[in-house]
Structures are given as C-alpha cells and as structure tokens.
C-alpha atoms as a PDB file:
ATOM      1  CA  UNK A   1     108.516  77.001 -87.939  1.00  0.00           C
ATOM      2  CA  UNK A   2     107.638  73.928 -88.752  1.00  0.00           C
ATOM      3  CA  UNK A   3     103.994  73.412 -89.407  1.00  0.00           C
ATOM      4  CA  UNK A   4     103.192  69.187 -88.316  1.00  0.00           C
ATOM      5  CA  UNK A   5     100.584  67.443 -89.236  1.00  0.00           C
ATOM      6  CA  UNK A   6      99.239  64.104 -88.685  1.00  0.00           C
ATOM      7  CA  UNK A   7      98.788  61.685 -91.867  1.00  0.00           C
ATOM      8  CA  UNK A   8     100.505  58.084 -93.095  1.00  0.00           C
ATOM      9  CA  UNK A   9     103.548  58.663 -94.684  1.00  0.00           C
ATOM     10  CA  UNK A  10     103.743  56.983 -97.921  1.00  0.00           C
ATOM     11  CA  UNK A  11     105.070  53.358 -96.866  1.00  0.00           C
ATOM     12  CA  UNK A  12     103.894  53.879 -93.796  1.00  0.00           C
ATOM     13  CA  UNK A  13     100.581  51.579 -91.995  1.00  0.00           C
ATOM     14  CA  UNK A  14     100.201  54.934 -89.688  1.00  0.00           C
ATOM     15  CA  UNK A  15      99.394  57.919 -88.875  1.00  0.00           C
ATOM     16  CA  UNK A  16     102.277  60.072 -87.887  1.00  0.00           C
ATOM     17  CA  UNK A  17     103.564  63.384 -86.730  1.00  0.00           C
ATOM     18  CA  UNK A  18     104.995  64.268 -90.379  1.00  0.00           C
ATOM     19  CA  UNK A  19     106.334  68.394 -91.141  1.00  0.00           C
ATOM     20  CA  UNK A  20     104.050  69.700 -94.109  1.00  0.00           C
ATOM     21  CA  UNK A  21     106.925  71.813 -95.672  1.00  0.00           C
ATOM     22  CA  UNK A  22     109.587  69.109 -95.764  1.00  0.00           C
ATOM     23  CA  UNK A  23     108.079  65.550 -95.206  1.00  0.00           C
ATOM     24  CA  UNK A  24     109.673  64.472 -91.679  1.00  0.00           C
ATOM     25  CA  UNK A  25     108.093  62.293 -89.684  1.00  0.00           C
ATOM     26  CA  UNK A  26     108.237  63.036 -86.045  1.00  0.00           C
ATOM     27  CA  UNK A  27     107.998  59.476 -84.780  1.00  0.00           C
ATOM     28  CA  UNK A  28     106.401  59.393 -81.768  1.00  0.00           C
ATOM     29  CA  UNK A  29     107.183  55.786 -78.985  1.00  0.00           C
ATOM     30  CA  UNK A  30     106.449  54.374 -76.024  1.00  0.00           C
ATOM     31  CA  UNK A  31     108.913  55.257 -72.871  1.00  0.00           C
ATOM     32  CA  UNK A  32     110.132  52.652 -71.495  1.00  0.00           C
ATOM     33  CA  UNK A  33     110.367  52.846 -67.297  1.00  0.00           C
ATOM     34  CA  UNK A  34     113.495  50.975 -65.289  1.00  0.00           C
ATOM     35  CA  UNK A  35     112.720  50.442 -61.595  1.00  0.00           C
ATOM     36  CA  UNK A  36     112.900  47.170 -59.323  1.00  0.00           C
ATOM     37  CA  UNK A  37     111.738  44.859 -56.452  1.00  0.00           C
ATOM     38  CA  UNK A  38     114.251  45.238 -53.768  1.00  0.00           C
ATOM     39  CA  UNK A  39     114.515  42.033 -51.337  1.00  0.00           C
ATOM     40  CA  UNK A  40     115.761  42.584 -47.752  1.00  0.00           C
ATOM     41  CA  UNK A  41     115.819  39.492 -46.127  1.00  0.00           C
ATOM     42  CA  UNK A  42     112.602  38.650 -47.951  1.00  0.00           C
ATOM     43  CA  UNK A  43     111.209  41.873 -47.513  1.00  0.00           C
ATOM     44  CA  UNK A  44     109.978  44.183 -50.105  1.00  0.00           C
ATOM     45  CA  UNK A  45     110.559  47.537 -50.142  1.00  0.00           C
ATOM     46  CA  UNK A  46     108.485  50.508 -51.271  1.00  0.00           C
ATOM     47  CA  UNK A  47     108.161  53.318 -51.522  1.00  0.00           C
ATOM     48  CA  UNK A  48     104.749  56.032 -50.907  1.00  0.00           C
ATOM     49  CA  UNK A  49     104.692  58.202 -53.661  1.00  0.00           C
ATOM     50  CA  UNK A  50     105.220  61.976 -53.188  1.00  0.00           C
ATOM     51  CA  UNK A  51     103.786  63.211 -56.332  1.00  0.00           C
ATOM     52  CA  UNK A  52     100.949  62.408 -58.367  1.00  0.00           C
ATOM     53  CA  UNK A  53      99.817  60.424 -60.111  1.00  0.00           C
ATOM     54  CA  UNK A  54      98.617  58.620 -57.413  1.00  0.00           C
ATOM     55  CA  UNK A  55     100.175  60.730 -54.601  1.00  0.00           C
ATOM     56  CA  UNK A  56      99.913  58.731 -51.330  1.00  0.00           C
ATOM     57  CA  UNK A  57     100.211  55.527 -52.725  1.00  0.00           C
ATOM     58  CA  UNK A  58     102.654  52.815 -52.874  1.00  0.00           C
ATOM     59  CA  UNK A  59     104.861  51.621 -55.949  1.00  0.00           C
ATOM     60  CA  UNK A  60     108.147  49.498 -55.868  1.00  0.00           C
ATOM     61  CA  UNK A  61     110.809  52.528 -57.507  1.00  0.00           C
ATOM     62  CA  UNK A  62     110.174  52.957 -61.096  1.00  0.00           C
ATOM     63  CA  UNK A  63     110.565  55.858 -63.509  1.00  0.00           C
ATOM     64  CA  UNK A  64     111.280  56.711 -66.449  1.00  0.00           C
ATOM     65  CA  UNK A  65     114.449  56.338 -67.833  1.00  0.00           C
ATOM     66  CA  UNK A  66     116.739  59.695 -68.957  1.00  0.00           C
ATOM     67  CA  UNK A  67     118.151  59.334 -72.104  1.00  0.00           C
ATOM     68  CA  UNK A  68     122.113  57.838 -72.444  1.00  0.00           C
ATOM     69  CA  UNK A  69     121.679  55.262 -69.025  1.00  0.00           C
ATOM     70  CA  UNK A  70     121.654  51.665 -70.165  1.00  0.00           C
ATOM     71  CA  UNK A  71     118.942  50.052 -67.645  1.00  0.00           C
ATOM     72  CA  UNK A  72     120.804  49.362 -65.298  1.00  0.00           C
ATOM     73  CA  UNK A  73     121.210  52.427 -64.498  1.00  0.00           C
ATOM     74  CA  UNK A  74     118.162  54.024 -64.950  1.00  0.00           C
ATOM     75  CA  UNK A  75     116.225  51.674 -61.926  1.00  0.00           C
ATOM     76  CA  UNK A  76     120.146  52.148 -59.855  1.00  0.00           C
ATOM     77  CA  UNK A  77     118.948  55.742 -60.371  1.00  0.00           C
ATOM     78  CA  UNK A  78     115.415  55.027 -59.804  1.00  0.00           C
ATOM     79  CA  UNK A  79     116.772  53.780 -56.694  1.00  0.00           C
ATOM     80  CA  UNK A  80     118.208  56.620 -55.142  1.00  0.00           C
ATOM     81  CA  UNK A  81     116.272  58.375 -56.377  1.00  0.00           C
ATOM     82  CA  UNK A  82     113.338  57.758 -54.418  1.00  0.00           C
ATOM     83  CA  UNK A  83     115.178  55.320 -51.633  1.00  0.00           C
ATOM     84  CA  UNK A  84     118.265  56.846 -51.068  1.00  0.00           C
ATOM     85  CA  UNK A  85     118.722  53.269 -51.823  1.00  0.00           C
ATOM     86  CA  UNK A  86     122.116  51.756 -53.417  1.00  0.00           C
ATOM     87  CA  UNK A  87     121.417  48.789 -54.566  1.00  0.00           C
ATOM     88  CA  UNK A  88     122.526  45.133 -56.910  1.00  0.00           C
ATOM     89  CA  UNK A  89     120.186  44.399 -59.533  1.00  0.00           C
ATOM     90  CA  UNK A  90     120.706  40.062 -59.693  1.00  0.00           C
ATOM     91  CA  UNK A  91     118.236  39.664 -63.410  1.00  0.00           C
ATOM     92  CA  UNK A  92     115.662  40.862 -65.185  1.00  0.00           C
ATOM     93  CA  UNK A  93     112.764  39.742 -63.341  1.00  0.00           C
ATOM     94  CA  UNK A  94     110.074  40.754 -66.023  1.00  0.00           C
ATOM     95  CA  UNK A  95     108.659  43.385 -69.311  1.00  0.00           C
ATOM     96  CA  UNK A  96     105.403  44.266 -69.079  1.00  0.00           C
ATOM     97  CA  UNK A  97     103.717  45.908 -72.267  1.00  0.00           C
ATOM     98  CA  UNK A  98     101.466  48.956 -71.198  1.00  0.00           C
ATOM     99  CA  UNK A  99     100.869  49.377 -74.938  1.00  0.00           C
ATOM    100  CA  UNK A 100      97.301  52.295 -73.503  1.00  0.00           C
ATOM    101  CA  UNK A 101      99.798  55.028 -72.078  1.00  0.00           C
ATOM    102  CA  UNK A 102     102.684  53.226 -73.624  1.00  0.00           C
ATOM    103  CA  UNK A 103     105.238  52.319 -72.136  1.00  0.00           C
ATOM    104  CA  UNK A 104     107.408  49.130 -71.342  1.00  0.00           C
ATOM    105  CA  UNK A 105     108.163  48.637 -67.893  1.00  0.00           C
ATOM    106  CA  UNK A 106     111.709  46.739 -67.617  1.00  0.00           C
ATOM    107  CA  UNK A 107     111.740  45.469 -64.501  1.00  0.00           C
ATOM    108  CA  UNK A 108     114.193  44.138 -62.046  1.00  0.00           C
ATOM    109  CA  UNK A 109     115.776  41.630 -59.118  1.00  0.00           C
ATOM    110  CA  UNK A 110     118.001  43.889 -56.609  1.00  0.00           C
ATOM    111  CA  UNK A 111     118.723  43.312 -53.355  1.00  0.00           C
ATOM    112  CA  UNK A 112     120.174  46.514 -51.359  1.00  0.00           C
ATOM    113  CA  UNK A 113     123.880  46.688 -52.239  1.00  0.00           C
ATOM    114  CA  UNK A 114     124.496  48.859 -48.844  1.00  0.00           C
ATOM    115  CA  UNK A 115     122.698  49.112 -45.783  1.00  0.00           C
ATOM    116  CA  UNK A 116     119.967  51.867 -45.685  1.00  0.00           C
ATOM    117  CA  UNK A 117     116.958  53.331 -47.540  1.00  0.00           C
ATOM    118  CA  UNK A 118     115.050  56.908 -46.836  1.00  0.00           C
ATOM    119  CA  UNK A 119     112.492  58.322 -48.639  1.00  0.00           C
ATOM    120  CA  UNK A 120     113.630  61.067 -51.641  1.00  0.00           C
ATOM    121  CA  UNK A 121     112.253  64.287 -52.815  1.00  0.00           C
ATOM    122  CA  UNK A 122     109.659  61.873 -55.306  1.00  0.00           C
ATOM    123  CA  UNK A 123     108.593  59.591 -52.010  1.00  0.00           C
ATOM    124  CA  UNK A 124     106.386  60.155 -48.909  1.00  0.00           C
ATOM    125  CA  UNK A 125     107.729  57.049 -47.200  1.00  0.00           C
ATOM    126  CA  UNK A 126     109.748  54.604 -47.758  1.00  0.00           C
ATOM    127  CA  UNK A 127     109.433  51.050 -45.847  1.00  0.00           C
ATOM    128  CA  UNK A 128     109.960  46.893 -46.529  1.00  0.00           C
ATOM    129  CA  UNK A 129     107.074  44.778 -46.116  1.00  0.00           C
ATOM    130  CA  UNK A 130     106.915  41.417 -45.454  1.00  0.00           C
ATOM    131  CA  UNK A 131     104.188  39.454 -48.558  1.00  0.00           C
ATOM    132  CA  UNK A 132     101.648  39.680 -46.194  1.00  0.00           C
ATOM    133  CA  UNK A 133     101.574  42.837 -45.121  1.00  0.00           C
ATOM    134  CA  UNK A 134     102.148  44.575 -48.432  1.00  0.00           C
ATOM    135  CA  UNK A 135      99.392  47.065 -47.879  1.00  0.00           C
ATOM    136  CA  UNK A 136      97.516  45.877 -51.448  1.00  0.00           C
ATOM    137  CA  UNK A 137      94.741  47.810 -51.478  1.00  0.00           C
ATOM    138  CA  UNK A 138      97.050  50.722 -51.761  1.00  0.00           C
ATOM    139  CA  UNK A 139      99.497  49.681 -54.012  1.00  0.00           C
ATOM    140  CA  UNK A 140      99.601  52.506 -57.639  1.00  0.00           C
ATOM    141  CA  UNK A 141      99.378  51.364 -60.389  1.00  0.00           C
ATOM    142  CA  UNK A 142      98.381  46.970 -61.746  1.00  0.00           C
ATOM    143  CA  UNK A 143     101.888  46.655 -63.364  1.00  0.00           C
ATOM    144  CA  UNK A 144     103.497  46.656 -59.445  1.00  0.00           C
ATOM    145  CA  UNK A 145     101.115  44.346 -57.952  1.00  0.00           C
ATOM    146  CA  UNK A 146     102.148  41.718 -61.082  1.00  0.00           C
ATOM    147  CA  UNK A 147     105.644  42.205 -59.699  1.00  0.00           C
ATOM    148  CA  UNK A 148     105.489  41.955 -56.566  1.00  0.00           C
ATOM    149  CA  UNK A 149     103.711  39.048 -57.691  1.00  0.00           C
ATOM    150  CA  UNK A 150     106.277  37.727 -60.118  1.00  0.00           C
ATOM    151  CA  UNK A 151     109.208  38.318 -57.438  1.00  0.00           C
ATOM    152  CA  UNK A 152     106.369  36.058 -55.196  1.00  0.00           C
ATOM    153  CA  UNK A 153     106.838  33.394 -57.953  1.00  0.00           C
ATOM    154  CA  UNK A 154     110.763  33.532 -58.535  1.00  0.00           C
ATOM    155  CA  UNK A 155     111.813  34.124 -54.507  1.00  0.00           C
ATOM    156  CA  UNK A 156     115.106  32.530 -54.424  1.00  0.00           C
ATOM    157  CA  UNK A 157     115.181  30.804 -57.663  1.00  0.00           C
ATOM    158  CA  UNK A 158     117.322  31.549 -60.008  1.00  0.00           C
ATOM    159  CA  UNK A 159     115.980  33.674 -63.333  1.00  0.00           C
ATOM    160  CA  UNK A 160     114.904  32.658 -65.717  1.00  0.00           C
ATOM    161  CA  UNK A 161     113.056  34.641 -68.839  1.00  0.00           C
ATOM    162  CA  UNK A 162     111.286  37.111 -67.094  1.00  0.00           C
ATOM    163  CA  UNK A 163     108.033  37.352 -66.913  1.00  0.00           C
ATOM    164  CA  UNK A 164     105.389  39.183 -69.287  1.00  0.00           C
ATOM    165  CA  UNK A 165     102.135  41.034 -69.190  1.00  0.00           C
ATOM    166  CA  UNK A 166      99.734  38.336 -66.654  1.00  0.00           C
ATOM    167  CA  UNK A 167      97.433  36.922 -69.559  1.00  0.00           C
ATOM    168  CA  UNK A 168      94.516  37.103 -66.792  1.00  0.00           C
ATOM    169  CA  UNK A 169      94.909  40.844 -66.753  1.00  0.00           C
ATOM    170  CA  UNK A 170      93.963  42.805 -69.823  1.00  0.00           C
ATOM    171  CA  UNK A 171      95.454  46.124 -68.009  1.00  0.00           C
ATOM    172  CA  UNK A 172      97.973  47.536 -70.885  1.00  0.00           C
ATOM    173  CA  UNK A 173      98.025  44.592 -73.150  1.00  0.00           C
ATOM    174  CA  UNK A 174      96.390  45.930 -76.151  1.00  0.00           C
ATOM    175  CA  UNK A 175      95.498  49.643 -77.455  1.00  0.00           C
ATOM    176  CA  UNK A 176      92.263  51.389 -76.498  1.00  0.00           C
ATOM    177  CA  UNK A 177      90.024  50.973 -79.333  1.00  0.00           C
ATOM    178  CA  UNK A 178      90.315  54.029 -82.029  1.00  0.00           C
ATOM    179  CA  UNK A 179      94.003  54.030 -81.581  1.00  0.00           C
ATOM    180  CA  UNK A 180      94.384  52.904 -85.496  1.00  0.00           C
ATOM    181  CA  UNK A 181      95.957  49.026 -84.708  1.00  0.00           C
END
C-alpha cells in the first residue's frame, strides 16, 4: 500500500500529498458548491437545514457538485433534493471564493420551472419569504446572506457579471494564517 507524505515536490511551490514510493502527487483542490436563489413572485425559496452543519438554520437550495454533471445540472439536482422544486435557471448571480474551507460557490438566479415545492430529505421545512420576512438571524452561512443581498441588488434587472465576495466582508476571502500561502 502506498505511503503518502506532505512535501514540496520539485517544480512546485507548496506542500502536496505525495507518494513516498513513486512520487505520485495527489492534488487536493477546492470543492465546488452549486445553488440558486429561487424567486417566486418576488419572494425567495429558503430551506431549513435538517443536517449539520447549521441544522435548523435557513439556507438556499445548494450543495456539492457531483462528478459528471454541469454546474447547472448540479444546481437543479440540489433544488430537487432539498426543496422538491424543479427550477428554471436564468443565469449566474454570484461566484464566491471561500478559501478558508476550500470552496468555490456558484450561485444562480432561478425561478420555478413548474409549480410546487416541499421539504426534501435534507430539509426540515421549505418556505417562500418576502424580503422583509427573511429570518436574517437564522441564516446558515455568510454566503447565503451575500447571495440574498446580491439577488436583491439585481432584482428584475438582466444579469451582468456575477457578483463576487463582498469587499467589506473578509470571511472566506483569504486563507487562514499558517496555510502557507
């Protein structure tokens, strides 16, 4: 069985997980999260998480991409898994880099492709919220808050360049100290 160690391979500039026997490099790359701000008649669809982390808090229908699917397919799958919703994607709303946890999040703006939604196996509840009724103190992750605000800023307008991490919110923008970067 191969024995992997962390070392800086020749020609590289950072530590990599490398096989001590043959030199094979097992690259570790960020995970891609896909999701959507789903709008229905001016309201947004939120899911109350049934799983950790942040069980019981509200989030967008979103999750990790699977192999052999596009970002759009992943966003549609996640909307179905979490909210039993068939969505119609309008375009990319935002791309967030969460370096401290190795994630890139691609968030779409979408509507329902057909009526109806219900809590899926990863959700305790699924509801539509008007802007003033969003439970801001119960939002699961900073990027959900960012996406909701970016959706509000772009509401009704054609999508242009995707929004990025808010410049005044440094969470996730830089690796944590000691990450060697």
